[in-house]
Amino acid sequence: MIDHAHDLRSLREATDRLLTAATKLDNAAVAEASRLPGWSRGHVLAHLARNADALVNVFEGRPMYESATARDADIQRDAGRPLVEQLEDVRNSAAAFQAVADAPQDWSRTVELRNGVTDSASRIPFRRLVEIELHHVDLGIGYELTDLPDEFTAREIEFLADRWSGHPEVPPVTLSPGDGRTWRTGGTEGAPVTLSGTPAQLLAWLAGRGDKGDALSTAGGPLPLLPPL
């Protein structure tokens, strides 16, 4: 069962953690490349701010983004700003999201995200938490997949495993962190593959981060390639 209040608390902590770390940057560092191909750290920070705005739209029943083109243009427009403006925007947009999420509402209702994707309103705080935590790693400023809270890592593995479940381009995959837990993902075509490694290594493969699963042990076949998220 999703506990949106718990996720909102975790989100506040993660946002504060990211902002505290980012204050140690300078304007030159913001302009440097992030770990996401083609994006500077400024692009990542701009995306986080505009994503908060977009999720306010979701809560209030408006389209998440005007269009994919407008989304990309807004990020590009805001990417080159100096650090103080970037941090103020991330902070203010996060506060606006928290204010809307803190308001009394029907958390069981279905809301619409991008590309026709729907979800329970109760899952939106976790979706925002994913943006903050993974993009903090993407900034490349000392926060790694191994630094993510254990609870978050397990939930994100489950979330992404569900996302790839049934995908025709992914063979049947069993994910094993070696502690008795398992997750399954992929479709039904092809030879079953078992991937073994730490939770952080499993998350790296599912989310296309870090070594993208190269450190995992595989059995039954080669490391499957996942389509872009």
Protein backbone atom coordinates (compact mmCIF):
# COMPACT_ATOMS: atom_id res chain seq x y z
CA MET A 1 0.00 0.00 0.00
CA ILE A 2 1.36 3.41 -1.00
CA ASP A 3 1.90 5.81 1.91
CA HIS A 4 1.91 9.21 0.22
CA ALA A 5 2.57 11.04 3.51
CA HIS A 6 5.72 8.98 4.06
CA ASP A 7 6.82 9.62 0.48
CA LEU A 8 6.29 13.36 0.88
CA ARG A 9 8.51 13.35 3.96
CA SER A 10 11.16 11.39 2.08
CA LEU A 11 10.84 13.83 -0.81
CA ARG A 12 11.46 16.84 1.43
CA GLU A 13 14.57 15.19 2.85
CA ALA A 14 15.88 14.24 -0.61
CA THR A 15 15.23 17.72 -2.01
CA ASP A 16 17.05 19.34 0.91
CA ARG A 17 19.93 16.92 0.39
CA LEU A 18 20.21 17.80 -3.30
CA LEU A 19 19.99 21.56 -2.70
CA THR A 20 22.60 21.43 0.06
CA ALA A 21 24.99 19.54 -2.21
CA ALA A 22 24.34 21.83 -5.18
CA THR A 23 25.11 25.00 -3.21
CA LYS A 24 28.77 23.90 -3.24
CA LEU A 25 28.89 24.32 -7.03
CA ASP A 26 29.68 27.51 -8.90
CA ASN A 27 28.52 28.91 -12.22
CA ALA A 28 31.28 27.15 -14.14
CA ALA A 29 30.40 23.78 -12.59
CA VAL A 30 26.72 24.22 -13.44
CA ALA A 31 27.69 24.65 -17.09
CA GLU A 32 29.77 21.46 -17.10
CA ALA A 33 28.48 18.15 -18.42
CA SER A 34 26.27 16.03 -16.21
CA ARG A 35 26.21 12.25 -16.42
CA LEU A 36 23.26 12.42 -18.84
CA PRO A 37 24.37 12.53 -22.48
CA GLY A 38 23.95 15.99 -23.97
CA TRP A 39 22.89 17.62 -20.71
CA SER A 40 24.86 19.98 -18.51
CA ARG A 41 24.22 20.17 -14.77
CA GLY A 42 22.14 23.22 -15.62
CA HIS A 43 19.90 21.07 -17.80
CA VAL A 44 19.38 18.64 -14.92
CA LEU A 45 18.48 21.40 -12.47
CA ALA A 46 16.18 23.08 -14.98
CA HIS A 47 14.46 19.76 -15.63
CA LEU A 48 13.87 19.22 -11.91
CA ALA A 49 12.23 22.64 -11.59
CA ARG A 50 10.02 22.21 -14.63
CA ASN A 51 9.10 18.66 -13.55
CA ALA A 52 7.81 20.04 -10.25
CA ASP A 53 5.66 22.53 -12.21
CA ALA A 54 4.43 19.70 -14.42
CA LEU A 55 3.38 17.59 -11.44
CA VAL A 56 1.45 20.53 -10.03
CA ASN A 57 -0.41 20.50 -13.35
CA VAL A 58 -1.10 16.78 -12.86
CA PHE A 59 -2.52 17.33 -9.40
CA GLU A 60 -4.70 20.17 -10.66
CA GLY A 61 -6.08 18.26 -13.64
CA ARG A 62 -4.18 20.00 -16.42
CA PRO A 63 -1.92 18.37 -19.02
CA MET A 64 1.45 17.58 -17.51
CA TYR A 65 3.26 19.43 -20.30
CA GLU A 66 1.89 21.57 -23.12
CA SER A 67 3.80 19.29 -25.50
CA ALA A 68 7.02 17.33 -25.68
CA THR A 69 8.50 20.15 -27.76
CA ALA A 70 7.54 22.75 -25.17
CA ARG A 71 8.97 20.61 -22.37
CA ASP A 72 12.32 20.32 -24.12
CA ALA A 73 12.35 24.01 -25.03
CA ASP A 74 11.71 25.06 -21.43
CA ILE A 75 14.61 22.95 -20.18
CA GLN A 76 16.91 24.31 -22.88
CA ARG A 77 15.82 27.88 -22.10
CA ASP A 78 16.57 27.55 -18.39
CA ALA A 79 19.73 25.41 -18.54
CA GLY A 80 22.20 28.26 -18.90
CA ARG A 81 21.19 30.29 -15.86
CA PRO A 82 23.66 31.06 -13.05
CA LEU A 83 23.71 28.83 -9.99
CA VAL A 84 21.76 31.16 -7.70
CA GLU A 85 18.85 31.30 -10.16
CA GLN A 86 18.91 27.54 -10.69
CA LEU A 87 18.77 26.80 -6.97
CA GLU A 88 16.05 29.36 -6.32
CA ASP A 89 13.95 27.85 -9.10
CA VAL A 90 14.41 24.28 -7.86
CA ARG A 91 13.61 25.38 -4.30
CA ASN A 92 10.53 27.45 -5.19
CA SER A 93 9.08 24.93 -7.63
CA ALA A 94 9.59 22.14 -5.08
CA ALA A 95 7.80 24.20 -2.45
CA ALA A 96 4.90 24.80 -4.84
CA PHE A 97 4.63 21.06 -5.47
CA GLN A 98 4.70 20.33 -1.74
CA ALA A 99 1.97 22.90 -1.11
CA VAL A 100 -0.33 21.31 -3.67
CA ALA A 101 0.46 17.82 -2.40
CA ASP A 102 -0.17 18.85 1.22
CA ALA A 103 -3.70 20.05 0.40
CA PRO A 104 -6.64 17.75 1.29
CA GLN A 105 -7.56 15.66 -1.74
CA ASP A 106 -8.67 12.25 -2.99
CA TRP A 107 -5.43 10.31 -3.11
CA SER A 108 -7.13 7.29 -4.66
CA ARG A 109 -8.12 9.16 -7.83
CA THR A 110 -6.48 8.42 -11.17
CA VAL A 111 -4.35 11.16 -12.69
CA GLU A 112 -2.81 11.47 -16.16
CA LEU A 113 0.89 11.94 -16.79
CA ARG A 114 2.81 12.16 -20.09
CA ASN A 115 1.95 10.21 -23.22
CA GLY A 116 -1.36 8.98 -21.85
CA VAL A 117 0.20 7.24 -18.84
CA THR A 118 -2.13 7.14 -15.84
CA ASP A 119 -1.47 6.38 -12.19
CA SER A 120 -2.95 6.80 -8.75
CA ALA A 121 -2.46 10.25 -7.24
CA SER A 122 -0.94 8.50 -4.25
CA ARG A 123 2.03 7.41 -6.38
CA ILE A 124 2.96 10.90 -7.58
CA PRO A 125 5.09 11.79 -4.52
CA PHE A 126 7.20 8.69 -5.14
CA ARG A 127 7.51 9.53 -8.83
CA ARG A 128 8.82 12.95 -7.84
CA LEU A 129 11.18 11.33 -5.32
CA VAL A 130 12.59 9.22 -8.16
CA GLU A 131 13.30 12.39 -10.15
CA ILE A 132 15.12 14.01 -7.24
CA GLU A 133 17.15 10.98 -6.17
CA LEU A 134 18.27 9.72 -9.60
CA HIS A 135 18.98 13.18 -10.97
CA HIS A 136 21.01 13.99 -7.86
CA VAL A 137 23.19 11.06 -8.94
CA ASP A 138 23.15 12.36 -12.52
CA LEU A 139 24.62 15.69 -11.40
CA GLY A 140 27.91 13.90 -10.73
CA ILE A 141 28.72 15.83 -7.56
CA GLY A 142 29.52 12.99 -5.17
CA TYR A 143 26.12 11.36 -4.65
CA GLU A 144 26.13 7.82 -6.05
CA LEU A 145 23.66 4.98 -6.52
CA THR A 146 25.25 3.34 -3.49
CA ASP A 147 24.31 6.41 -1.41
CA LEU A 148 20.59 6.08 -2.12
CA PRO A 149 18.46 5.04 0.87
CA ASP A 150 17.94 1.27 0.94
CA GLU A 151 14.16 1.59 0.99
CA PHE A 152 14.19 3.85 -2.04
CA THR A 153 16.49 1.53 -4.00
CA ALA A 154 14.28 -1.51 -3.36
CA ARG A 155 11.12 0.36 -4.32
CA GLU A 156 12.67 1.79 -7.47
CA ILE A 157 13.90 -1.64 -8.51
CA GLU A 158 10.35 -2.94 -8.07
CA PHE A 159 8.91 0.07 -9.92
CA LEU A 160 11.24 -0.30 -12.91
CA ALA A 161 10.95 -4.09 -12.97
CA ASP A 162 7.20 -3.60 -13.29
CA ARG A 163 7.75 -1.03 -16.05
CA TRP A 164 9.71 -3.52 -18.16
CA SER A 165 7.43 -6.45 -17.32
CA GLY A 166 5.89 -7.88 -20.47
CA HIS A 167 8.09 -5.79 -22.77
CA PRO A 168 8.58 -7.75 -26.02
CA GLU A 169 12.17 -6.53 -26.48
CA VAL A 170 13.30 -7.78 -23.06
CA PRO A 171 13.71 -11.52 -22.32
CA PRO A 172 12.43 -13.00 -19.05
CA VAL A 173 14.79 -11.70 -16.36
CA THR A 174 15.13 -12.59 -12.69
CA LEU A 175 16.91 -10.03 -10.53
CA SER A 176 18.66 -11.36 -7.44
CA PRO A 177 20.50 -9.24 -4.85
CA GLY A 178 21.57 -12.38 -3.00
CA ASP A 179 19.59 -11.73 0.16
CA GLY A 180 16.55 -13.87 -0.55
CA ARG A 181 14.63 -11.21 -2.47
CA THR A 182 13.93 -11.54 -6.18
CA TRP A 183 12.27 -9.37 -8.79
CA ARG A 184 11.13 -10.47 -12.23
CA THR A 185 10.81 -8.41 -15.36
CA GLY A 186 10.83 -8.70 -19.14
CA GLY A 187 8.57 -10.51 -21.55
CA THR A 188 7.99 -14.15 -22.35
CA GLU A 189 10.16 -14.54 -25.46
CA GLY A 190 13.77 -15.69 -25.31
CA ALA A 191 15.90 -17.63 -22.87
CA PRO A 192 15.43 -16.68 -19.21
CA VAL A 193 18.33 -14.70 -17.73
CA THR A 194 19.25 -14.28 -14.07
CA LEU A 195 21.12 -11.14 -13.02
CA SER A 196 22.87 -11.17 -9.65
CA GLY A 197 24.50 -8.25 -7.87
CA THR A 198 24.02 -5.59 -5.26
CA PRO A 199 20.78 -3.58 -5.22
CA ALA A 200 22.71 -0.57 -6.55
CA GLN A 201 24.06 -2.64 -9.45
CA LEU A 202 20.60 -3.98 -10.26
CA LEU A 203 19.21 -0.45 -10.20
CA ALA A 204 22.03 0.73 -12.47
CA TRP A 205 20.90 -1.77 -15.11
CA LEU A 206 17.19 -1.02 -14.79
CA ALA A 207 17.66 2.76 -14.82
CA GLY A 208 20.49 2.92 -17.36
CA ARG A 209 22.84 4.55 -14.89
CA GLY A 210 26.47 4.09 -13.90
CA ASP A 211 27.93 0.94 -15.39
CA LYS A 212 24.44 0.04 -16.72
CA GLY A 213 24.70 -3.43 -15.25
CA ASP A 214 28.19 -4.33 -16.48
CA ALA A 215 29.16 -5.33 -12.92
CA LEU A 216 26.31 -7.84 -12.64
CA SER A 217 26.78 -11.59 -12.83
CA THR A 218 24.63 -13.18 -15.53
CA ALA A 219 23.35 -16.73 -15.94
CA GLY A 220 21.40 -18.17 -18.84
CA GLY A 221 22.43 -15.59 -21.38
CA PRO A 222 24.18 -12.25 -21.93
CA LEU A 223 23.22 -9.04 -20.16
CA PRO A 224 20.02 -7.86 -21.88
CA LEU A 225 19.90 -4.39 -23.37
CA LEU A 226 16.99 -2.30 -22.15
CA PRO A 227 15.24 0.27 -24.38
CA PRO A 228 15.59 3.92 -23.27
CA LEU A 229 13.41 4.95 -20.35
